[in-house]
């Protein structure tokens, strides 16, 4: 029997976990122009000027106006500014043009700097882009007005404590990033002194106009970088995104820099309809997204500029990479590779022990266990297959070719994605109930099968990539709900496990689905089925009526 009151409580708790994880109370408030700290409102004033007109390589006069404005703003803040010209740069059209980088620097007031902070953004907007059968010219409000504006605001604030600097502050606003990264490549080739002794590089990008600002990539050997990043406010990052980003058909100005300078690469990741299209304009900017950049980047820059330890060249270049992920309200959770390996071994042993013990204690019978296992495996194949076929149908309806990565600019795809993903947990809940009603398996047998499946997939993914936190967290809490017990504590621990699991993995699910696009919906759905198979038994545990 199921308690209706407890079902309402369980649904409410899951709803709160999802809402919190996607930004409610876990993103910074937008600060006004009178704020003494980072203000997205002040940044928006720069973005408004930068994005008044398209300013790609195809628009040299507009680009010149943006360049003059940026150089003026940097000088006004107190930086020494140089314009570097490079001729005979081949455009994608086949013709040649000149490009112009803006380089700026400011030294500490007291003593010589051992290293420098290097901040990077590009000021050219996207050249003509065909999307949905239409030609678009972006206004560059987000890509890369966000980066330009955030750096200007960060630099302005840094001048307030310049007397505390131990490092130099350098800025490069590159031209022709959208043209095979020509601006940063020319700078690295022709201005080696500008990059010499750079101890930290921060590149700021935007893929779309809204959503959380994510640290989606670090340079290799990131153990000390992650330690520095943990000092930011409202952190949002996953070590696994670096591997995923390498599979995407994109490069940024950080790509040629990260081999020689330790650093961070930030971006919002949003609907591709707002990326490189006319919809990337001032009317669509998100002050919340801009504020989130600042809440992370401003503390990092202050820490780096003012702490003596970063004066040691390449201090932030570590020997190894960490496994890390974000938990809302908690911050960054990180592990060394060896520590994470030990954790995986322990989880595998505990999972195996739990299932074997359940058989020995006769909580689980072979027939019911294998029935639940078979049903779960069928669901994990059939439901993603339906999602894949649905995406193919949308492609046909839009007369668009299917592709796995960066499939976008389709009518109804976003609505389909949201509805399909949202339906998975309820569908698994009611399918499970049907199996229980027909006595194909018991709740314990369903829990045992979900622990088995999640353990196996976690093991396979760990062997393949060295990462699997989004499987390990649900597995941990499914083990808690699988433990025997009908008392108040056991039931509420099961619900708490559901809350913490959704709070932890929902932002990751969102980021991956948006990053990969509609073509990869079936991958997200496959994971959601695995997640539902661990959450649903815990919901059964909590909502079951206690017979007195």
Protein backbone atom coordinates (compact mmCIF):
# COMPACT_ATOMS: atom_id res chain seq x y z
CA UNK A 1 0.00 0.00 0.00
CA UNK A 2 1.14 3.52 -0.81
CA UNK A 3 0.51 6.55 1.38
CA UNK A 4 -0.94 9.36 -0.76
CA UNK A 5 0.38 11.98 1.63
CA UNK A 6 3.90 10.59 1.36
CA UNK A 7 3.68 10.50 -2.44
CA UNK A 8 2.95 14.24 -2.38
CA UNK A 9 5.89 14.78 -0.02
CA UNK A 10 8.23 12.72 -2.23
CA UNK A 11 7.18 14.63 -5.37
CA UNK A 12 7.65 17.95 -3.55
CA UNK A 13 11.11 16.97 -2.34
CA UNK A 14 12.18 15.91 -5.84
CA UNK A 15 10.79 19.14 -7.27
CA UNK A 16 12.71 21.21 -4.72
CA UNK A 17 15.93 19.32 -5.42
CA UNK A 18 15.63 19.98 -9.15
CA UNK A 19 14.70 23.65 -8.63
CA UNK A 20 17.60 24.24 -6.24
CA UNK A 21 20.06 22.45 -8.51
CA UNK A 22 19.05 24.51 -11.54
CA UNK A 23 19.55 27.85 -9.86
CA UNK A 24 16.93 28.61 -7.22
CA UNK A 25 18.98 29.87 -4.24
CA UNK A 26 22.18 28.46 -5.78
CA UNK A 27 23.01 31.31 -8.17
CA UNK A 28 24.14 34.81 -7.19
CA UNK A 29 21.70 37.69 -7.07
CA UNK A 30 22.25 40.33 -9.74
CA UNK A 31 23.97 43.34 -8.16
CA UNK A 32 23.16 46.88 -9.23
CA UNK A 33 25.37 49.65 -10.54
CA UNK A 34 25.97 51.03 -7.03
CA UNK A 35 27.47 47.75 -5.78
CA UNK A 36 31.03 47.83 -4.46
CA UNK A 37 31.62 44.33 -5.83
CA UNK A 38 31.07 42.76 -9.26
CA UNK A 39 27.94 44.16 -10.92
CA UNK A 40 26.28 42.59 -13.95
CA UNK A 41 24.38 45.84 -14.45
CA UNK A 42 27.64 47.74 -14.97
CA UNK A 43 28.86 45.01 -17.31
CA UNK A 44 25.66 45.30 -19.34
CA UNK A 45 26.50 48.93 -20.14
CA UNK A 46 29.67 47.79 -21.91
CA UNK A 47 27.82 44.97 -23.65
CA UNK A 48 25.21 47.42 -24.95
CA UNK A 49 27.92 49.45 -26.71
CA UNK A 50 29.83 46.41 -27.97
CA UNK A 51 26.73 44.74 -29.47
CA UNK A 52 25.08 47.66 -31.26
CA UNK A 53 25.92 46.15 -34.65
CA UNK A 54 27.52 43.00 -36.08
CA UNK A 55 31.31 43.34 -35.90
CA UNK A 56 32.80 40.30 -37.59
CA UNK A 57 35.71 40.22 -40.03
CA UNK A 58 33.06 40.98 -42.64
CA UNK A 59 32.32 44.29 -40.85
CA UNK A 60 35.67 46.10 -40.58
CA UNK A 61 34.24 49.53 -39.77
CA UNK A 62 31.99 48.22 -36.99
CA UNK A 63 34.87 46.13 -35.65
CA UNK A 64 37.06 49.24 -35.62
CA UNK A 65 34.48 51.08 -33.50
CA UNK A 66 34.33 48.21 -31.00
CA UNK A 67 38.13 48.08 -30.88
CA UNK A 68 38.38 51.82 -30.21
CA UNK A 69 35.79 51.58 -27.45
CA UNK A 70 37.58 48.69 -25.73
CA UNK A 71 40.98 50.38 -25.94
CA UNK A 72 39.47 53.55 -24.48
CA UNK A 73 37.84 51.65 -21.61
CA UNK A 74 41.08 49.85 -20.72
CA UNK A 75 43.00 53.14 -20.71
CA UNK A 76 40.28 54.74 -18.59
CA UNK A 77 40.59 51.92 -16.04
CA UNK A 78 44.35 52.49 -15.82
CA UNK A 79 45.99 49.94 -18.12
CA UNK A 80 48.73 50.59 -20.65
CA UNK A 81 47.22 49.69 -24.02
CA UNK A 82 48.75 48.64 -27.34
CA UNK A 83 47.08 47.74 -30.63
CA UNK A 84 48.92 45.01 -32.54
CA UNK A 85 48.28 44.76 -36.28
CA UNK A 86 48.77 41.62 -38.38
CA UNK A 87 48.34 41.76 -42.14
CA UNK A 88 47.50 39.23 -44.84
CA UNK A 89 45.20 37.08 -42.72
CA UNK A 90 43.12 34.81 -44.93
CA UNK A 91 39.40 34.96 -44.27
CA UNK A 92 37.05 32.02 -44.73
CA UNK A 93 35.76 33.72 -47.89
CA UNK A 94 39.24 33.38 -49.41
CA UNK A 95 40.08 37.09 -49.38
CA UNK A 96 42.72 38.65 -47.13
CA UNK A 97 42.44 41.23 -44.39
CA UNK A 98 44.29 42.83 -41.49
CA UNK A 99 43.45 41.99 -37.90
CA UNK A 100 44.15 43.91 -34.71
CA UNK A 101 44.63 42.56 -31.19
CA UNK A 102 44.30 44.76 -28.11
CA UNK A 103 46.98 44.13 -25.48
CA UNK A 104 46.87 45.80 -22.08
CA UNK A 105 48.94 45.53 -18.92
CA UNK A 106 49.19 46.98 -15.43
CA UNK A 107 52.04 46.29 -13.00
CA UNK A 108 51.99 46.15 -9.19
CA UNK A 109 52.60 49.49 -7.48
CA UNK A 110 55.11 47.96 -5.07
CA UNK A 111 57.99 45.88 -6.45
CA UNK A 112 58.46 43.71 -9.49
CA UNK A 113 56.03 40.98 -10.45
CA UNK A 114 57.22 37.39 -10.64
CA UNK A 115 54.31 36.26 -12.78
CA UNK A 116 51.22 37.69 -14.43
CA UNK A 117 47.52 37.07 -14.67
CA UNK A 118 46.39 36.81 -18.30
CA UNK A 119 42.72 37.34 -19.14
CA UNK A 120 41.48 36.57 -22.65
CA UNK A 121 38.34 37.33 -24.66
CA UNK A 122 37.72 37.98 -28.35
CA UNK A 123 36.00 41.05 -29.75
CA UNK A 124 35.07 39.85 -33.24
CA UNK A 125 31.54 38.55 -33.63
CA UNK A 126 30.61 35.58 -35.80
CA UNK A 127 30.80 35.99 -39.58
CA UNK A 128 27.78 35.03 -41.71
CA UNK A 129 26.31 31.82 -40.36
CA UNK A 130 23.61 29.66 -41.96
CA UNK A 131 21.10 28.29 -39.44
CA UNK A 132 17.71 26.83 -40.24
CA UNK A 133 18.16 27.80 -43.87
CA UNK A 134 18.68 31.48 -43.00
CA UNK A 135 21.80 33.64 -43.09
CA UNK A 136 22.62 35.17 -39.70
CA UNK A 137 25.06 37.80 -38.48
CA UNK A 138 25.53 37.75 -34.72
CA UNK A 139 25.66 40.99 -32.74
CA UNK A 140 28.16 39.40 -30.36
CA UNK A 141 26.34 40.42 -27.17
CA UNK A 142 27.19 37.16 -25.43
CA UNK A 143 29.84 35.74 -27.77
CA UNK A 144 31.97 37.44 -26.76
CA UNK A 145 30.45 40.56 -25.22
CA UNK A 146 30.12 38.62 -21.97
CA UNK A 147 33.86 37.93 -21.92
CA UNK A 148 34.82 41.50 -22.78
CA UNK A 149 32.45 43.03 -20.25
CA UNK A 150 33.35 40.64 -17.44
CA UNK A 151 37.07 41.32 -17.94
CA UNK A 152 36.55 45.10 -17.97
CA UNK A 153 34.59 44.92 -14.71
CA UNK A 154 37.12 42.54 -13.13
CA UNK A 155 39.99 44.84 -14.15
CA UNK A 156 38.21 47.92 -12.78
CA UNK A 157 37.63 46.24 -9.42
CA UNK A 158 41.23 44.98 -9.30
CA UNK A 159 42.50 48.55 -9.52
CA UNK A 160 40.89 49.21 -6.13
CA UNK A 161 43.46 46.93 -4.47
CA UNK A 162 46.39 47.48 -6.83
CA UNK A 163 48.62 48.36 -3.89
CA UNK A 164 48.26 44.70 -2.77
CA UNK A 165 49.19 43.14 -6.11
CA UNK A 166 52.10 40.74 -6.20
CA UNK A 167 51.56 39.83 -9.87
CA UNK A 168 51.12 41.82 -13.06
CA UNK A 169 47.69 41.98 -14.73
CA UNK A 170 47.60 41.48 -18.51
CA UNK A 171 44.63 41.45 -20.85
CA UNK A 172 44.36 40.48 -24.49
CA UNK A 173 41.22 41.09 -26.53
CA UNK A 174 41.80 39.07 -29.67
CA UNK A 175 40.56 39.68 -33.18
CA UNK A 176 39.59 36.89 -35.61
CA UNK A 177 38.85 34.23 -33.00
CA UNK A 178 35.93 33.21 -35.19
CA UNK A 179 38.38 32.86 -38.08
CA UNK A 180 40.35 29.78 -36.98
CA UNK A 181 41.68 31.51 -33.82
CA UNK A 182 43.95 33.69 -35.95
CA UNK A 183 44.19 36.49 -33.39
CA UNK A 184 45.55 34.43 -30.51
CA UNK A 185 47.76 32.40 -32.85
CA UNK A 186 49.33 35.57 -34.25
CA UNK A 187 49.87 36.91 -30.74
CA UNK A 188 51.58 33.74 -29.53
CA UNK A 189 53.82 33.71 -32.59
CA UNK A 190 54.72 37.41 -32.69
CA UNK A 191 54.43 38.66 -29.09
CA UNK A 192 56.20 36.03 -26.95
CA UNK A 193 57.20 38.58 -24.28
CA UNK A 194 53.56 39.38 -23.60
CA UNK A 195 52.93 35.76 -22.61
CA UNK A 196 56.24 35.26 -20.80
CA UNK A 197 55.89 34.34 -17.11
CA UNK A 198 52.11 34.21 -17.30
CA UNK A 199 51.13 32.15 -14.27
CA UNK A 200 47.39 31.91 -14.89
CA UNK A 201 45.25 32.31 -18.00
CA UNK A 202 41.49 32.89 -17.80
CA UNK A 203 39.56 32.70 -21.06
CA UNK A 204 35.91 33.75 -21.12
CA UNK A 205 33.55 32.53 -23.83
CA UNK A 206 29.81 32.13 -24.39
CA UNK A 207 27.86 29.49 -26.29
CA UNK A 208 24.43 31.01 -26.13
CA UNK A 209 23.08 33.80 -23.95
CA UNK A 210 21.81 32.30 -20.71
CA UNK A 211 22.31 29.55 -18.16
CA UNK A 212 24.99 29.05 -15.53
CA UNK A 213 28.56 30.10 -16.26
CA UNK A 214 30.49 26.85 -16.14
CA UNK A 215 34.20 26.24 -15.78
CA UNK A 216 34.16 23.65 -18.53
CA UNK A 217 37.88 23.18 -19.10
CA UNK A 218 41.19 23.48 -17.28
CA UNK A 219 44.73 22.95 -18.46
CA UNK A 220 46.41 19.64 -17.66
CA UNK A 221 47.83 19.04 -14.19
CA UNK A 222 44.95 20.85 -12.53
CA UNK A 223 45.33 19.88 -8.85
CA UNK A 224 46.41 23.38 -7.79
CA UNK A 225 44.04 25.05 -10.23
CA UNK A 226 41.10 23.26 -8.61
CA UNK A 227 42.35 24.38 -5.20
CA UNK A 228 42.35 27.98 -6.46
CA UNK A 229 38.95 27.59 -8.10
CA UNK A 230 37.44 26.31 -4.86
CA UNK A 231 37.83 29.86 -3.51
CA UNK A 232 35.24 31.15 -5.98
CA UNK A 233 31.65 31.89 -5.05
CA UNK A 234 28.91 29.73 -6.58
CA UNK A 235 31.34 27.33 -8.35
CA UNK A 236 29.98 25.25 -11.21
CA UNK A 237 32.36 22.74 -12.75
CA UNK A 238 32.93 19.06 -13.52
CA UNK A 239 36.22 17.46 -14.46
CA UNK A 240 34.37 15.21 -16.92
CA UNK A 241 33.35 18.20 -19.07
CA UNK A 242 36.94 18.63 -20.28
CA UNK A 243 36.79 15.17 -21.85
CA UNK A 244 33.36 15.86 -23.33
CA UNK A 245 34.50 19.23 -24.72
CA UNK A 246 37.33 17.53 -26.59
CA UNK A 247 34.67 15.55 -28.50
CA UNK A 248 32.87 18.70 -29.63
CA UNK A 249 33.73 20.50 -32.89
CA UNK A 250 34.81 23.69 -31.14
CA UNK A 251 38.02 25.46 -30.18
CA UNK A 252 38.51 28.66 -28.21
CA UNK A 253 41.41 31.05 -27.65
CA UNK A 254 42.26 28.87 -24.67
CA UNK A 255 43.09 25.91 -26.94
CA UNK A 256 46.58 27.09 -28.07
CA UNK A 257 47.30 28.78 -24.73
CA UNK A 258 46.63 25.88 -22.35
CA UNK A 259 49.66 23.89 -23.47
CA UNK A 260 52.05 26.46 -22.02
CA UNK A 261 50.05 28.39 -19.41
CA UNK A 262 47.91 26.85 -16.65
CA UNK A 263 44.40 28.19 -16.70
CA UNK A 264 40.63 28.14 -16.81
CA UNK A 265 38.08 28.26 -19.64
CA UNK A 266 34.61 29.61 -18.74
CA UNK A 267 31.40 29.74 -20.75
CA UNK A 268 27.66 29.73 -20.53
CA UNK A 269 26.22 26.78 -22.44
CA UNK A 270 22.77 27.47 -23.85
CA UNK A 271 20.36 26.63 -26.63
CA UNK A 272 22.22 26.68 -29.95
CA UNK A 273 19.49 28.87 -31.46
CA UNK A 274 21.17 31.78 -29.64
CA UNK A 275 24.70 30.89 -30.71
CA UNK A 276 26.22 32.57 -33.77
CA UNK A 277 22.80 33.84 -34.83
CA UNK A 278 21.04 37.21 -34.86
CA UNK A 279 19.45 36.21 -31.55
CA UNK A 280 22.81 36.82 -29.86
CA UNK A 281 21.88 40.44 -29.25
CA UNK A 282 21.57 42.85 -26.34
CA UNK A 283 17.83 42.28 -25.83
CA UNK A 284 18.49 38.61 -25.04
CA UNK A 285 21.38 38.90 -22.57
CA UNK A 286 21.03 37.36 -19.12
CA UNK A 287 22.22 39.50 -16.21
CA UNK A 288 22.06 36.40 -14.02
CA UNK A 289 24.55 34.61 -16.26
CA UNK A 290 26.87 37.63 -16.30
CA UNK A 291 26.72 37.86 -12.50
CA UNK A 292 27.58 34.17 -12.25
CA UNK A 293 30.76 34.71 -14.29
CA UNK A 294 31.77 37.48 -11.92
CA UNK A 295 30.99 35.60 -8.73
CA UNK A 296 33.47 32.92 -9.78
CA UNK A 297 36.14 34.92 -11.59
CA UNK A 298 36.49 37.99 -9.36
CA UNK A 299 37.55 36.03 -6.22
CA UNK A 300 40.01 33.97 -8.28
CA UNK A 301 41.67 37.02 -9.78
CA UNK A 302 41.99 38.74 -6.41
CA UNK A 303 43.48 35.64 -4.82
CA UNK A 304 46.00 35.22 -7.63
CA UNK A 305 47.01 38.87 -7.86
CA UNK A 306 47.55 39.36 -4.12
CA UNK A 307 49.05 36.10 -2.83
CA UNK A 308 52.85 35.88 -2.82
CA UNK A 309 52.89 32.13 -3.50
CA UNK A 310 51.69 32.66 -7.07
CA UNK A 311 54.83 34.69 -7.80
CA UNK A 312 56.63 31.40 -8.36
CA UNK A 313 56.56 30.74 -12.12
CA UNK A 314 54.26 27.84 -13.07
CA UNK A 315 53.15 27.39 -9.45
CA UNK A 316 49.71 26.33 -10.71
CA UNK A 317 51.09 23.67 -13.04
CA UNK A 318 50.50 20.46 -11.09
CA UNK A 319 51.70 16.93 -11.60
CA UNK A 320 48.29 15.30 -11.89
CA UNK A 321 44.62 15.92 -12.57
CA UNK A 322 41.85 15.71 -10.00
CA UNK A 323 38.40 14.21 -10.32
CA UNK A 324 35.97 16.88 -9.17
CA UNK A 325 32.34 17.92 -9.36
CA UNK A 326 30.02 20.53 -7.93
CA UNK A 327 27.39 19.97 -5.26
CA UNK A 328 25.01 22.94 -4.82
CA UNK A 329 25.24 24.54 -1.36
CA UNK A 330 28.48 22.62 -0.75
CA UNK A 331 30.92 23.63 -3.46
CA UNK A 332 33.61 21.63 -5.23
CA UNK A 333 34.18 18.02 -4.16
CA UNK A 334 37.52 16.72 -5.43
CA UNK A 335 39.53 13.50 -5.32
CA UNK A 336 42.98 12.50 -6.42
CA UNK A 337 42.99 9.82 -9.11
CA UNK A 338 44.24 7.23 -6.62
CA UNK A 339 41.70 8.28 -4.00
CA UNK A 340 38.89 8.06 -6.52
CA UNK A 341 40.07 4.60 -7.55
CA UNK A 342 39.94 3.45 -3.92
CA UNK A 343 36.44 4.91 -3.59
CA UNK A 344 35.26 2.99 -6.64
CA UNK A 345 36.73 -0.26 -5.34
CA UNK A 346 35.02 0.25 -1.97
CA UNK A 347 31.68 1.01 -3.62
CA UNK A 348 31.96 -2.11 -5.77
CA UNK A 349 32.74 -4.28 -2.73
CA UNK A 350 29.87 -2.78 -0.72
CA UNK A 351 27.46 -3.26 -3.63
CA UNK A 352 28.48 -6.88 -4.08
CA UNK A 353 28.27 -7.53 -0.34
CA UNK A 354 24.80 -5.93 -0.12
CA UNK A 355 23.34 -8.01 -2.94
CA UNK A 356 24.91 -11.28 -1.72
CA UNK A 357 23.73 -10.60 1.85
CA UNK A 358 20.20 -9.97 0.59
CA UNK A 359 20.21 -13.39 -1.08
CA UNK A 360 21.57 -15.08 2.06
CA UNK A 361 18.97 -13.38 4.27
CA UNK A 362 16.24 -14.36 1.81
CA UNK A 363 15.18 -10.77 1.22
CA UNK A 364 15.88 -11.46 -2.46
CA UNK A 365 15.02 -14.58 -4.47
CA UNK A 366 16.70 -15.52 -7.73
CA UNK A 367 13.48 -15.58 -9.78
CA UNK A 368 12.34 -12.11 -8.73
CA UNK A 369 15.86 -10.67 -8.93
CA UNK A 370 16.40 -11.81 -12.51
CA UNK A 371 12.88 -10.70 -13.49
CA UNK A 372 13.64 -7.20 -12.16
CA UNK A 373 17.08 -7.24 -13.78
CA UNK A 374 15.61 -8.23 -17.16
CA UNK A 375 12.85 -5.62 -16.95
CA UNK A 376 15.36 -2.92 -16.00
CA UNK A 377 17.71 -3.79 -18.87
CA UNK A 378 14.82 -3.80 -21.34
CA UNK A 379 13.73 -0.35 -20.09
CA UNK A 380 17.30 0.95 -20.43
CA UNK A 381 17.31 -0.07 -24.10
CA UNK A 382 13.72 0.58 -25.21
CA UNK A 383 13.19 4.02 -23.66
CA UNK A 384 16.41 5.54 -25.15
CA UNK A 385 15.50 3.91 -28.48
CA UNK A 386 12.11 5.65 -28.42
CA UNK A 387 13.90 8.95 -27.68
CA UNK A 388 16.26 8.38 -30.60
CA UNK A 389 13.39 7.58 -32.99
CA UNK A 390 11.54 10.67 -31.75
CA UNK A 391 14.55 12.85 -32.53
CA UNK A 392 14.84 11.30 -35.99
CA UNK A 393 11.15 12.03 -36.57
CA UNK A 394 11.66 15.69 -35.61
CA UNK A 395 14.57 15.85 -38.08
CA UNK A 396 12.32 14.48 -40.82
CA UNK A 397 9.58 16.97 -39.95
CA UNK A 398 12.13 19.80 -40.20
CA UNK A 399 13.73 18.37 -43.37
CA UNK A 400 17.07 18.39 -41.53
CA UNK A 401 19.80 15.73 -41.45
CA UNK A 402 20.35 13.96 -38.14
CA UNK A 403 23.68 14.32 -36.40
CA UNK A 404 24.77 13.21 -32.96
CA UNK A 405 26.52 16.41 -31.84
CA UNK A 406 25.25 20.01 -32.14
CA UNK A 407 21.92 19.15 -33.78
CA UNK A 408 19.93 22.37 -33.46
CA UNK A 409 17.63 24.93 -35.10
CA UNK A 410 14.70 22.49 -35.22
CA UNK A 411 11.08 23.28 -34.43
CA UNK A 412 9.69 21.50 -31.37
CA UNK A 413 12.94 19.74 -30.44
CA UNK A 414 13.36 21.56 -27.13
CA UNK A 415 9.76 20.88 -26.07
CA UNK A 416 10.15 17.21 -27.00
CA UNK A 417 13.43 16.93 -25.07
CA UNK A 418 12.03 18.49 -21.89
CA UNK A 419 8.81 16.47 -21.92
CA UNK A 420 10.60 13.20 -22.63
CA UNK A 421 13.22 13.66 -19.91
CA UNK A 422 10.59 14.81 -17.40
CA UNK A 423 8.46 11.73 -18.03
CA UNK A 424 11.15 9.14 -17.31
CA UNK A 425 10.96 8.95 -13.50
CA UNK A 426 7.12 8.79 -13.47
CA UNK A 427 7.14 6.13 -16.22
CA UNK A 428 9.66 3.97 -14.34
CA UNK A 429 7.68 4.50 -11.12
CA UNK A 430 4.44 3.19 -12.64
CA UNK A 431 6.11 0.40 -14.62
CA UNK A 432 7.75 -0.73 -11.39
CA UNK A 433 4.42 -0.59 -9.60
CA UNK A 434 2.89 -2.75 -12.33
CA UNK A 435 5.64 -5.33 -11.84
CA UNK A 436 5.11 -5.29 -8.08
CA UNK A 437 1.35 -5.65 -8.45
CA UNK A 438 1.79 -8.67 -10.72
CA UNK A 439 4.35 -10.04 -8.25
CA UNK A 440 7.03 -10.36 -10.88
CA UNK A 441 9.47 -9.06 -8.27
CA UNK A 442 9.52 -7.47 -4.84
CA UNK A 443 10.76 -4.01 -3.87
CA UNK A 444 13.94 -5.56 -2.48
CA UNK A 445 14.51 -7.47 -5.71
CA UNK A 446 14.01 -4.32 -7.77
CA UNK A 447 16.47 -2.48 -5.51
CA UNK A 448 19.01 -5.30 -5.81
CA UNK A 449 18.74 -5.25 -9.60
CA UNK A 450 19.22 -1.46 -9.72
CA UNK A 451 22.29 -1.71 -7.48
CA UNK A 452 23.69 -4.40 -9.79
CA UNK A 453 23.08 -2.42 -12.98
CA UNK A 454 24.42 0.86 -11.60
CA UNK A 455 27.50 -0.90 -10.20
CA UNK A 456 28.28 -2.54 -13.54
CA UNK A 457 27.88 0.65 -15.56
CA UNK A 458 29.87 2.62 -12.98
CA UNK A 459 32.68 0.06 -13.25
CA UNK A 460 32.67 0.10 -17.06
CA UNK A 461 32.69 3.90 -17.22
CA UNK A 462 35.43 4.18 -14.61
CA UNK A 463 37.64 1.74 -16.53
CA UNK A 464 36.97 3.63 -19.79
CA UNK A 465 37.32 7.23 -18.58
CA UNK A 466 38.44 7.27 -14.94
CA UNK A 467 35.27 9.21 -14.05
CA UNK A 468 31.74 8.21 -13.04
CA UNK A 469 30.57 10.48 -10.20
CA UNK A 470 27.11 10.85 -11.76
CA UNK A 471 26.71 7.07 -11.39
CA UNK A 472 28.52 6.74 -8.08
CA UNK A 473 26.35 9.26 -6.22
CA UNK A 474 23.04 7.55 -7.12
CA UNK A 475 24.63 4.18 -6.36
CA UNK A 476 25.65 5.33 -2.88
CA UNK A 477 22.14 6.43 -1.97
CA UNK A 478 20.48 3.42 -3.60
CA UNK A 479 22.57 1.27 -1.25
CA UNK A 480 21.21 3.25 1.68
CA UNK A 481 17.61 2.70 0.57
CA UNK A 482 18.38 -0.98 -0.13
CA UNK A 483 19.51 -1.59 3.45
CA UNK A 484 16.90 -3.44 5.53
CA UNK A 485 14.70 -1.39 7.79
CA UNK A 486 11.13 -0.19 8.14
CA UNK A 487 11.69 2.41 10.84
CA UNK A 488 11.30 6.19 10.58
CA UNK A 489 15.04 6.77 10.10
CA UNK A 490 15.37 4.28 7.23
CA UNK A 491 12.43 5.75 5.36
CA UNK A 492 13.56 9.33 5.70
CA UNK A 493 17.15 8.43 4.83
CA UNK A 494 15.78 7.02 1.56
CA UNK A 495 14.03 10.32 0.79
CA UNK A 496 17.11 12.33 1.79
CA UNK A 497 19.12 10.18 -0.60
CA UNK A 498 16.74 11.03 -3.44
CA UNK A 499 17.05 14.74 -2.64
CA UNK A 500 20.86 14.74 -2.51
CA UNK A 501 21.14 12.60 -5.65
CA UNK A 502 18.93 14.92 -7.71
CA UNK A 503 20.60 18.00 -6.24
CA UNK A 504 24.01 16.68 -7.31
CA UNK A 505 23.35 15.20 -10.74
CA UNK A 506 20.62 17.43 -12.21
CA UNK A 507 22.98 20.33 -13.09
CA UNK A 508 25.28 17.83 -14.80
CA UNK A 509 22.39 16.34 -16.80
CA UNK A 510 21.31 19.82 -17.86
CA UNK A 511 24.82 20.86 -18.90
CA UNK A 512 25.52 17.71 -20.90
CA UNK A 513 22.19 17.72 -22.74
CA UNK A 514 22.49 21.39 -23.67
CA UNK A 515 26.16 20.99 -24.66
CA UNK A 516 25.63 17.96 -26.89
CA UNK A 517 22.31 19.06 -28.39
CA UNK A 518 19.13 17.27 -29.42
CA UNK A 519 20.92 14.57 -31.38
CA UNK A 520 22.33 13.17 -28.15
CA UNK A 521 18.98 13.05 -26.34
CA UNK A 522 19.03 9.26 -26.25
CA UNK A 523 22.32 9.36 -24.28
CA UNK A 524 20.78 11.63 -21.65
CA UNK A 525 17.67 9.45 -21.59
CA UNK A 526 19.75 6.30 -21.09
CA UNK A 527 21.36 7.88 -18.04
CA UNK A 528 17.99 9.12 -16.79
CA UNK A 529 16.62 5.57 -16.94
CA UNK A 530 19.55 4.34 -14.82
CA UNK A 531 18.97 7.22 -12.42
CA UNK A 532 15.25 6.45 -12.19
CA UNK A 533 15.98 2.79 -11.47
CA UNK A 534 17.88 3.88 -8.34
CA UNK A 535 15.51 6.66 -7.27
CA UNK A 536 12.21 4.79 -7.68
CA UNK A 537 12.95 1.99 -5.15
CA UNK A 538 13.90 4.68 -2.62
CA UNK A 539 10.57 6.40 -3.31
CA UNK A 540 8.78 3.09 -2.74
CA UNK A 541 10.57 2.74 0.59
CA UNK A 542 9.47 6.20 1.72
CA UNK A 543 5.88 6.13 0.42
CA UNK A 544 4.97 2.62 1.62
CA UNK A 545 2.33 2.53 4.34
CA UNK A 546 3.44 0.96 7.59
CA UNK A 547 1.04 -1.75 8.72
CA UNK A 548 0.75 -1.58 12.51
